[in-house]
Amino acid sequence: MRKRSKYRPKQIIPDTMTWVQAGMKKVDAISAGTTLKIRNYDAMDSLRRGQATRREIDALIDAMNVAEALSNRGIGNDWAAEIRAAQDALLTLARRGAANDMRFIVKGEELKALNLGMEIHTAQLEAVTVKELETAMNDVMETLRLKKMRHIVEKTHAST
């Protein structure tokens, strides 16, 4: 069997100028920015009503991870403690829900922290360009690839 090569060709951008101009636009100016905000607030509403599923929790986790990445890049970094508090509340909520047959019931203090975290994330989205958002999302993916994120369900190894 032949060894697989690690070489992966880079993506070719057919229209470079359009790509550069799209990266300079504000996230608010494109329809995907509005869709992203709707997705985030729909997930918060489902959580508030006690009807959140894993899909909504994943959307909130994505939003808080991007908020942290943007904060690390200097966009809203004065709110880093509040973003971390929202992430901690979300982690506690997700662990409790995973242990309770995927029923995600939020407590009052967790909801307050998540609401503030979502407001911060929305303000960040209004301030960043598409390129900055893509870079932050790449940071999140790199953190995930390096396995530096906190796990919701801890893996246990049975000793033999």
N, C-alpha and C. Protein backbone atom coordinates (compact mmCIF):
# COMPACT_ATOMS: atom_id res chain seq x y z
N MET A 1 0.84 -1.18 0.00
CA MET A 1 0.00 0.00 0.00
C MET A 1 0.89 1.25 0.00
N ARG A 2 0.53 2.19 -0.80
CA ARG A 2 1.32 3.40 -0.95
C ARG A 2 0.96 4.43 0.12
N LYS A 3 1.95 5.11 0.64
CA LYS A 3 1.74 6.13 1.65
C LYS A 3 1.02 7.34 1.04
N ARG A 4 0.02 7.84 1.75
CA ARG A 4 -0.71 9.02 1.26
C ARG A 4 0.13 10.27 1.43
N SER A 5 0.10 11.10 0.44
CA SER A 5 0.85 12.34 0.47
C SER A 5 0.14 13.37 1.34
N LYS A 6 0.89 14.19 2.06
CA LYS A 6 0.31 15.25 2.87
C LYS A 6 0.02 16.51 2.05
N TYR A 7 0.46 16.51 0.80
CA TYR A 7 0.26 17.68 -0.06
C TYR A 7 -1.22 17.85 -0.39
N ARG A 8 -1.71 19.05 -0.16
CA ARG A 8 -3.06 19.41 -0.54
C ARG A 8 -2.98 20.73 -1.30
N PRO A 9 -3.43 20.76 -2.54
CA PRO A 9 -3.34 22.01 -3.31
C PRO A 9 -4.21 23.10 -2.70
N LYS A 10 -3.75 24.34 -2.80
CA LYS A 10 -4.51 25.47 -2.29
C LYS A 10 -5.68 25.78 -3.21
N GLN A 11 -6.71 26.37 -2.62
CA GLN A 11 -7.89 26.74 -3.39
C GLN A 11 -7.53 27.86 -4.36
N ILE A 12 -8.05 27.78 -5.56
CA ILE A 12 -7.81 28.81 -6.57
C ILE A 12 -8.99 29.78 -6.55
N ILE A 13 -8.69 31.07 -6.46
CA ILE A 13 -9.72 32.10 -6.45
C ILE A 13 -9.81 32.67 -7.85
N PRO A 14 -10.91 32.40 -8.58
CA PRO A 14 -11.00 32.85 -9.98
C PRO A 14 -11.07 34.37 -10.13
N ASP A 15 -11.77 35.05 -9.24
CA ASP A 15 -11.92 36.51 -9.34
C ASP A 15 -11.35 37.14 -8.08
N THR A 16 -10.09 37.46 -8.11
CA THR A 16 -9.37 37.95 -6.93
C THR A 16 -9.91 39.28 -6.44
N MET A 17 -10.21 40.20 -7.32
CA MET A 17 -10.69 41.53 -6.91
C MET A 17 -12.03 41.45 -6.17
N THR A 18 -12.94 40.63 -6.65
CA THR A 18 -14.23 40.47 -5.96
C THR A 18 -14.01 39.88 -4.58
N TRP A 19 -13.10 38.92 -4.49
CA TRP A 19 -12.79 38.28 -3.21
C TRP A 19 -12.22 39.30 -2.22
N VAL A 20 -11.31 40.15 -2.67
CA VAL A 20 -10.71 41.17 -1.81
C VAL A 20 -11.75 42.19 -1.38
N GLN A 21 -12.58 42.63 -2.32
CA GLN A 21 -13.62 43.62 -1.99
C GLN A 21 -14.64 43.04 -1.02
N ALA A 22 -14.98 41.76 -1.17
CA ALA A 22 -15.93 41.13 -0.25
C ALA A 22 -15.34 41.06 1.15
N GLY A 23 -14.05 40.84 1.26
CA GLY A 23 -13.40 40.78 2.56
C GLY A 23 -13.37 42.12 3.26
N MET A 24 -13.46 43.22 2.52
CA MET A 24 -13.41 44.54 3.11
C MET A 24 -14.78 45.05 3.55
N LYS A 25 -15.85 44.37 3.16
CA LYS A 25 -17.20 44.79 3.54
C LYS A 25 -17.45 44.45 5.00
N LYS A 26 -18.31 45.23 5.63
CA LYS A 26 -18.74 44.94 6.99
C LYS A 26 -19.69 43.74 6.96
N VAL A 27 -19.68 42.95 8.03
CA VAL A 27 -20.54 41.77 8.11
C VAL A 27 -22.00 42.19 8.05
N ASP A 28 -22.32 43.35 8.62
CA ASP A 28 -23.70 43.86 8.60
C ASP A 28 -24.19 44.15 7.19
N ALA A 29 -23.27 44.43 6.26
CA ALA A 29 -23.66 44.83 4.92
C ALA A 29 -24.02 43.65 4.02
N ILE A 30 -23.76 42.43 4.46
CA ILE A 30 -24.06 41.26 3.62
C ILE A 30 -25.21 40.47 4.24
N SER A 31 -25.90 39.73 3.41
CA SER A 31 -27.07 38.98 3.89
C SER A 31 -26.67 37.86 4.84
N ALA A 32 -25.48 37.31 4.68
CA ALA A 32 -25.05 36.23 5.56
C ALA A 32 -24.90 36.72 7.00
N GLY A 33 -24.57 37.99 7.19
CA GLY A 33 -24.47 38.56 8.53
C GLY A 33 -25.82 38.59 9.22
N THR A 34 -26.85 38.97 8.48
CA THR A 34 -28.20 38.99 9.02
C THR A 34 -28.66 37.57 9.34
N THR A 35 -28.37 36.63 8.46
CA THR A 35 -28.73 35.23 8.68
C THR A 35 -28.06 34.69 9.93
N LEU A 36 -26.80 35.05 10.13
CA LEU A 36 -26.05 34.61 11.31
C LEU A 36 -26.68 35.15 12.59
N LYS A 37 -27.04 36.43 12.58
CA LYS A 37 -27.68 37.02 13.76
C LYS A 37 -29.02 36.36 14.05
N ILE A 38 -29.80 36.10 13.02
CA ILE A 38 -31.11 35.45 13.20
C ILE A 38 -30.92 34.07 13.80
N ARG A 39 -29.94 33.33 13.28
CA ARG A 39 -29.66 31.98 13.80
C ARG A 39 -29.30 32.04 15.29
N ASN A 40 -28.45 32.99 15.66
CA ASN A 40 -28.03 33.11 17.05
C ASN A 40 -29.20 33.47 17.97
N TYR A 41 -29.99 34.45 17.56
CA TYR A 41 -31.09 34.87 18.42
C TYR A 41 -32.24 33.87 18.43
N ASP A 42 -32.41 33.11 17.36
CA ASP A 42 -33.39 32.03 17.36
C ASP A 42 -32.98 30.95 18.37
N ALA A 43 -31.69 30.65 18.41
CA ALA A 43 -31.19 29.67 19.38
C ALA A 43 -31.39 30.17 20.81
N MET A 44 -31.14 31.46 21.05
CA MET A 44 -31.36 32.02 22.39
C MET A 44 -32.83 31.97 22.78
N ASP A 45 -33.71 32.25 21.82
CA ASP A 45 -35.14 32.22 22.10
C ASP A 45 -35.60 30.80 22.43
N SER A 46 -35.11 29.82 21.69
CA SER A 46 -35.47 28.42 21.97
C SER A 46 -34.97 28.01 23.34
N LEU A 47 -33.78 28.46 23.70
CA LEU A 47 -33.22 28.14 25.02
C LEU A 47 -34.05 28.79 26.11
N ARG A 48 -34.42 30.04 25.92
CA ARG A 48 -35.22 30.76 26.91
C ARG A 48 -36.57 30.09 27.14
N ARG A 49 -37.17 29.57 26.06
CA ARG A 49 -38.47 28.90 26.17
C ARG A 49 -38.37 27.46 26.66
N GLY A 50 -37.14 26.95 26.81
CA GLY A 50 -36.95 25.58 27.28
C GLY A 50 -37.12 24.54 26.18
N GLN A 51 -36.99 24.94 24.92
CA GLN A 51 -37.17 24.04 23.79
C GLN A 51 -35.89 23.84 22.99
N ALA A 52 -34.76 24.17 23.59
CA ALA A 52 -33.48 24.09 22.87
C ALA A 52 -33.09 22.63 22.63
N THR A 53 -32.60 22.38 21.43
CA THR A 53 -32.07 21.08 21.08
C THR A 53 -30.56 21.22 20.94
N ARG A 54 -29.93 20.12 20.58
CA ARG A 54 -28.48 20.16 20.42
C ARG A 54 -28.07 21.14 19.32
N ARG A 55 -28.88 21.28 18.30
CA ARG A 55 -28.58 22.21 17.20
C ARG A 55 -28.49 23.65 17.70
N GLU A 56 -29.41 24.05 18.57
CA GLU A 56 -29.39 25.41 19.11
C GLU A 56 -28.20 25.61 20.04
N ILE A 57 -27.90 24.59 20.85
CA ILE A 57 -26.74 24.69 21.75
C ILE A 57 -25.46 24.80 20.93
N ASP A 58 -25.37 24.04 19.84
CA ASP A 58 -24.19 24.14 18.97
C ASP A 58 -24.07 25.54 18.35
N ALA A 59 -25.20 26.15 17.99
CA ALA A 59 -25.18 27.50 17.44
C ALA A 59 -24.66 28.50 18.47
N LEU A 60 -25.10 28.34 19.72
CA LEU A 60 -24.63 29.22 20.79
C LEU A 60 -23.14 29.01 21.08
N ILE A 61 -22.71 27.75 21.05
CA ILE A 61 -21.29 27.45 21.27
C ILE A 61 -20.46 28.10 20.16
N ASP A 62 -20.92 27.98 18.92
CA ASP A 62 -20.22 28.61 17.79
C ASP A 62 -20.12 30.12 17.99
N ALA A 63 -21.21 30.74 18.39
CA ALA A 63 -21.23 32.19 18.57
C ALA A 63 -20.26 32.62 19.67
N MET A 64 -20.26 31.92 20.79
CA MET A 64 -19.38 32.29 21.89
C MET A 64 -17.91 32.03 21.55
N ASN A 65 -17.64 30.97 20.78
CA ASN A 65 -16.27 30.71 20.36
C ASN A 65 -15.75 31.80 19.42
N VAL A 66 -16.60 32.24 18.50
CA VAL A 66 -16.22 33.32 17.59
C VAL A 66 -16.06 34.62 18.37
N ALA A 67 -16.92 34.86 19.35
CA ALA A 67 -16.80 36.07 20.18
C ALA A 67 -15.46 36.07 20.90
N GLU A 68 -15.06 34.92 21.42
CA GLU A 68 -13.77 34.83 22.09
C GLU A 68 -12.62 35.06 21.12
N ALA A 69 -12.70 34.47 19.93
CA ALA A 69 -11.65 34.64 18.93
C ALA A 69 -11.54 36.10 18.49
N LEU A 70 -12.67 36.76 18.30
CA LEU A 70 -12.64 38.19 17.95
C LEU A 70 -12.05 39.01 19.09
N SER A 71 -12.39 38.65 20.32
CA SER A 71 -11.85 39.34 21.48
C SER A 71 -10.33 39.17 21.55
N ASN A 72 -9.86 37.96 21.27
CA ASN A 72 -8.41 37.71 21.27
C ASN A 72 -7.71 38.50 20.18
N ARG A 73 -8.43 38.86 19.13
CA ARG A 73 -7.85 39.64 18.03
C ARG A 73 -8.03 41.14 18.25
N GLY A 74 -8.53 41.54 19.43
CA GLY A 74 -8.62 42.96 19.76
C GLY A 74 -9.95 43.61 19.48
N ILE A 75 -10.95 42.85 19.08
CA ILE A 75 -12.27 43.41 18.80
C ILE A 75 -13.18 43.06 19.98
N GLY A 76 -13.37 44.03 20.86
CA GLY A 76 -14.17 43.80 22.06
C GLY A 76 -13.38 43.10 23.15
N ASN A 77 -12.05 43.29 23.18
CA ASN A 77 -11.25 42.58 24.18
C ASN A 77 -11.45 43.13 25.59
N ASP A 78 -12.08 44.29 25.74
CA ASP A 78 -12.39 44.79 27.07
C ASP A 78 -13.57 44.03 27.69
N TRP A 79 -14.24 43.20 26.91
CA TRP A 79 -15.36 42.38 27.39
C TRP A 79 -14.95 40.92 27.55
N ALA A 80 -13.67 40.63 27.61
CA ALA A 80 -13.19 39.25 27.65
C ALA A 80 -13.73 38.48 28.86
N ALA A 81 -13.81 39.14 30.00
CA ALA A 81 -14.31 38.46 31.21
C ALA A 81 -15.78 38.07 31.06
N GLU A 82 -16.57 38.94 30.45
CA GLU A 82 -17.99 38.65 30.25
C GLU A 82 -18.19 37.53 29.23
N ILE A 83 -17.34 37.53 28.19
CA ILE A 83 -17.42 36.46 27.20
C ILE A 83 -17.06 35.13 27.85
N ARG A 84 -16.03 35.13 28.69
CA ARG A 84 -15.63 33.91 29.39
C ARG A 84 -16.74 33.44 30.33
N ALA A 85 -17.41 34.37 31.00
CA ALA A 85 -18.52 34.01 31.89
C ALA A 85 -19.66 33.37 31.10
N ALA A 86 -19.94 33.90 29.90
CA ALA A 86 -20.98 33.33 29.04
C ALA A 86 -20.57 31.93 28.58
N GLN A 87 -19.29 31.75 28.25
CA GLN A 87 -18.82 30.42 27.85
C GLN A 87 -18.92 29.43 29.01
N ASP A 88 -18.57 29.88 30.22
CA ASP A 88 -18.67 29.00 31.39
C ASP A 88 -20.12 28.60 31.65
N ALA A 89 -21.04 29.57 31.54
CA ALA A 89 -22.46 29.28 31.74
C ALA A 89 -22.96 28.30 30.68
N LEU A 90 -22.52 28.49 29.46
CA LEU A 90 -22.92 27.60 28.36
C LEU A 90 -22.37 26.19 28.56
N LEU A 91 -21.12 26.10 29.03
CA LEU A 91 -20.52 24.80 29.30
C LEU A 91 -21.29 24.06 30.40
N THR A 92 -21.61 24.77 31.47
CA THR A 92 -22.38 24.16 32.57
C THR A 92 -23.75 23.69 32.08
N LEU A 93 -24.41 24.55 31.30
CA LEU A 93 -25.73 24.22 30.74
C LEU A 93 -25.64 23.01 29.82
N ALA A 94 -24.64 22.98 28.96
CA ALA A 94 -24.51 21.88 28.00
C ALA A 94 -24.18 20.56 28.71
N ARG A 95 -23.32 20.62 29.70
CA ARG A 95 -23.00 19.39 30.45
C ARG A 95 -24.23 18.87 31.19
N ARG A 96 -24.99 19.78 31.79
CA ARG A 96 -26.20 19.37 32.50
C ARG A 96 -27.22 18.78 31.52
N GLY A 97 -27.34 19.39 30.35
CA GLY A 97 -28.28 18.90 29.34
C GLY A 97 -27.85 17.56 28.77
N ALA A 98 -26.55 17.37 28.56
CA ALA A 98 -26.06 16.09 28.03
C ALA A 98 -26.30 14.97 29.03
N ALA A 99 -26.20 15.28 30.30
CA ALA A 99 -26.44 14.27 31.34
C ALA A 99 -27.93 14.02 31.55
N ASN A 100 -28.78 14.92 31.04
CA ASN A 100 -30.22 14.85 31.24
C ASN A 100 -30.94 14.55 29.93
N ASP A 101 -30.42 13.60 29.15
CA ASP A 101 -31.05 13.18 27.89
C ASP A 101 -31.28 14.32 26.92
N MET A 102 -30.30 15.20 26.78
CA MET A 102 -30.34 16.33 25.83
C MET A 102 -31.51 17.28 26.08
N ARG A 103 -31.88 17.44 27.35
CA ARG A 103 -32.87 18.45 27.73
C ARG A 103 -32.10 19.62 28.32
N PHE A 104 -32.10 20.75 27.62
CA PHE A 104 -31.30 21.90 28.01
C PHE A 104 -32.20 22.93 28.69
N ILE A 105 -32.15 22.96 30.02
CA ILE A 105 -32.94 23.89 30.81
C ILE A 105 -31.97 24.90 31.43
N VAL A 106 -32.16 26.16 31.09
CA VAL A 106 -31.24 27.21 31.53
C VAL A 106 -31.68 27.78 32.87
N LYS A 107 -30.70 28.12 33.71
CA LYS A 107 -30.96 28.79 34.99
C LYS A 107 -30.85 30.29 34.78
N GLY A 108 -31.37 31.05 35.72
CA GLY A 108 -31.43 32.50 35.59
C GLY A 108 -30.08 33.16 35.39
N GLU A 109 -29.10 32.82 36.22
CA GLU A 109 -27.77 33.44 36.11
C GLU A 109 -27.10 33.05 34.79
N GLU A 110 -27.32 31.82 34.35
CA GLU A 110 -26.75 31.39 33.07
C GLU A 110 -27.37 32.19 31.92
N LEU A 111 -28.67 32.40 31.99
CA LEU A 111 -29.37 33.16 30.94
C LEU A 111 -28.88 34.60 30.89
N LYS A 112 -28.64 35.21 32.06
CA LYS A 112 -28.12 36.57 32.10
C LYS A 112 -26.74 36.64 31.45
N ALA A 113 -25.88 35.69 31.79
CA ALA A 113 -24.53 35.68 31.23
C ALA A 113 -24.57 35.45 29.72
N LEU A 114 -25.43 34.54 29.28
CA LEU A 114 -25.55 34.26 27.85
C LEU A 114 -26.14 35.44 27.07
N ASN A 115 -27.12 36.11 27.65
CA ASN A 115 -27.69 37.30 27.00
C ASN A 115 -26.63 38.38 26.80
N LEU A 116 -25.83 38.62 27.84
CA LEU A 116 -24.76 39.62 27.73
C LEU A 116 -23.73 39.18 26.70
N GLY A 117 -23.36 37.91 26.73
CA GLY A 117 -22.41 37.39 25.75
C GLY A 117 -22.92 37.53 24.32
N MET A 118 -24.21 37.29 24.13
CA MET A 118 -24.79 37.41 22.79
C MET A 118 -24.85 38.87 22.35
N GLU A 119 -25.13 39.79 23.28
CA GLU A 119 -25.11 41.21 22.93
C GLU A 119 -23.71 41.65 22.51
N ILE A 120 -22.70 41.18 23.22
CA ILE A 120 -21.31 41.50 22.89
C ILE A 120 -20.98 40.95 21.50
N HIS A 121 -21.38 39.70 21.24
CA HIS A 121 -21.10 39.09 19.95
C HIS A 121 -21.80 39.85 18.82
N THR A 122 -23.02 40.29 19.04
CA THR A 122 -23.74 41.06 18.03
C THR A 122 -23.03 42.39 17.76
N ALA A 123 -22.56 43.03 18.81
CA ALA A 123 -21.82 44.28 18.63
C ALA A 123 -20.52 44.04 17.87
N GLN A 124 -19.87 42.91 18.14
CA GLN A 124 -18.66 42.56 17.41
C GLN A 124 -18.97 42.35 15.93
N LEU A 125 -20.06 41.66 15.64
CA LEU A 125 -20.43 41.41 14.24
C LEU A 125 -20.73 42.71 13.50
N GLU A 126 -21.25 43.70 14.20
CA GLU A 126 -21.54 44.99 13.58
C GLU A 126 -20.26 45.77 13.29
N ALA A 127 -19.17 45.45 14.02
CA ALA A 127 -17.94 46.22 13.89
C ALA A 127 -16.91 45.59 12.95
N VAL A 128 -17.01 44.29 12.69
CA VAL A 128 -15.95 43.61 11.94
C VAL A 128 -16.24 43.55 10.45
N THR A 129 -15.16 43.30 9.71
CA THR A 129 -15.29 43.06 8.28
C THR A 129 -15.41 41.55 8.06
N VAL A 130 -15.76 41.17 6.86
CA VAL A 130 -15.89 39.76 6.52
C VAL A 130 -14.56 39.05 6.70
N LYS A 131 -13.47 39.68 6.31
CA LYS A 131 -12.14 39.09 6.44
C LYS A 131 -11.78 38.84 7.90
N GLU A 132 -12.09 39.80 8.77
CA GLU A 132 -11.81 39.63 10.20
C GLU A 132 -12.63 38.48 10.78
N LEU A 133 -13.88 38.38 10.35
CA LEU A 133 -14.72 37.28 10.82
C LEU A 133 -14.20 35.94 10.33
N GLU A 134 -13.78 35.87 9.07
CA GLU A 134 -13.21 34.63 8.54
C GLU A 134 -11.95 34.23 9.29
N THR A 135 -11.11 35.21 9.61
CA THR A 135 -9.89 34.94 10.36
C THR A 135 -10.22 34.41 11.75
N ALA A 136 -11.21 35.01 12.41
CA ALA A 136 -11.62 34.54 13.73
C ALA A 136 -12.17 33.11 13.66
N MET A 137 -12.95 32.82 12.61
CA MET A 137 -13.49 31.47 12.45
C MET A 137 -12.36 30.47 12.19
N ASN A 138 -11.34 30.89 11.45
CA ASN A 138 -10.18 30.02 11.25
C ASN A 138 -9.44 29.78 12.55
N ASP A 139 -9.38 30.80 13.42
CA ASP A 139 -8.77 30.62 14.74
C ASP A 139 -9.53 29.57 15.55
N VAL A 140 -10.86 29.63 15.49
CA VAL A 140 -11.68 28.65 16.21
C VAL A 140 -11.42 27.24 15.67
N MET A 141 -11.37 27.11 14.34
CA MET A 141 -11.12 25.81 13.74
C MET A 141 -9.73 25.28 14.11
N GLU A 142 -8.76 26.15 14.18
CA GLU A 142 -7.40 25.75 14.57
C GLU A 142 -7.37 25.30 16.03
N THR A 143 -8.07 26.01 16.89
CA THR A 143 -8.17 25.61 18.30
C THR A 143 -8.83 24.25 18.41
N LEU A 144 -9.85 24.01 17.62
CA LEU A 144 -10.53 22.72 17.61
C LEU A 144 -9.60 21.62 17.10
N ARG A 145 -8.86 21.93 16.04
CA ARG A 145 -7.93 20.95 15.47
C ARG A 145 -6.83 20.57 16.47
N LEU A 146 -6.38 21.56 17.24
CA LEU A 146 -5.32 21.31 18.22
C LEU A 146 -5.86 20.73 19.53
N LYS A 147 -7.19 20.55 19.61
CA LYS A 147 -7.87 19.97 20.77
C LYS A 147 -7.61 20.76 22.05
N LYS A 148 -7.70 22.09 21.93
CA LYS A 148 -7.51 22.97 23.07
C LYS A 148 -8.82 23.43 23.70
N MET A 149 -9.96 22.96 23.16
CA MET A 149 -11.26 23.37 23.67
C MET A 149 -11.68 22.49 24.83
N ARG A 150 -12.55 23.04 25.67
CA ARG A 150 -13.09 22.26 26.78
C ARG A 150 -14.18 21.34 26.25
N HIS A 151 -14.23 20.12 26.73
CA HIS A 151 -15.19 19.13 26.25
C HIS A 151 -16.45 19.17 27.10
N ILE A 152 -17.58 19.01 26.44
CA ILE A 152 -18.85 18.96 27.15
C ILE A 152 -19.00 17.61 27.84
N VAL A 153 -18.78 16.55 27.08
CA VAL A 153 -18.87 15.20 27.64
C VAL A 153 -17.43 14.69 27.76
N GLU A 154 -17.02 14.49 28.99
CA GLU A 154 -15.67 13.99 29.23
C GLU A 154 -15.58 12.53 28.85
N LYS A 155 -14.54 12.19 28.13
CA LYS A 155 -14.32 10.80 27.76
C LYS A 155 -13.66 10.08 28.92
N THR A 156 -14.21 8.95 29.27
CA THR A 156 -13.62 8.16 30.34
C THR A 156 -13.06 6.88 29.76
N HIS A 157 -11.93 6.49 30.26
CA HIS A 157 -11.31 5.25 29.81
C HIS A 157 -11.48 4.21 30.91
N ALA A 158 -12.04 3.09 30.54
CA ALA A 158 -12.23 1.99 31.50
C ALA A 158 -10.90 1.31 31.74
N SER A 159 -10.54 1.20 32.99
CA SER A 159 -9.26 0.52 33.30
C SER A 159 -9.49 -0.97 33.35
N THR A 160 -8.57 -1.73 32.78
CA THR A 160 -8.72 -3.17 32.73
C THR A 160 -7.74 -3.85 33.61
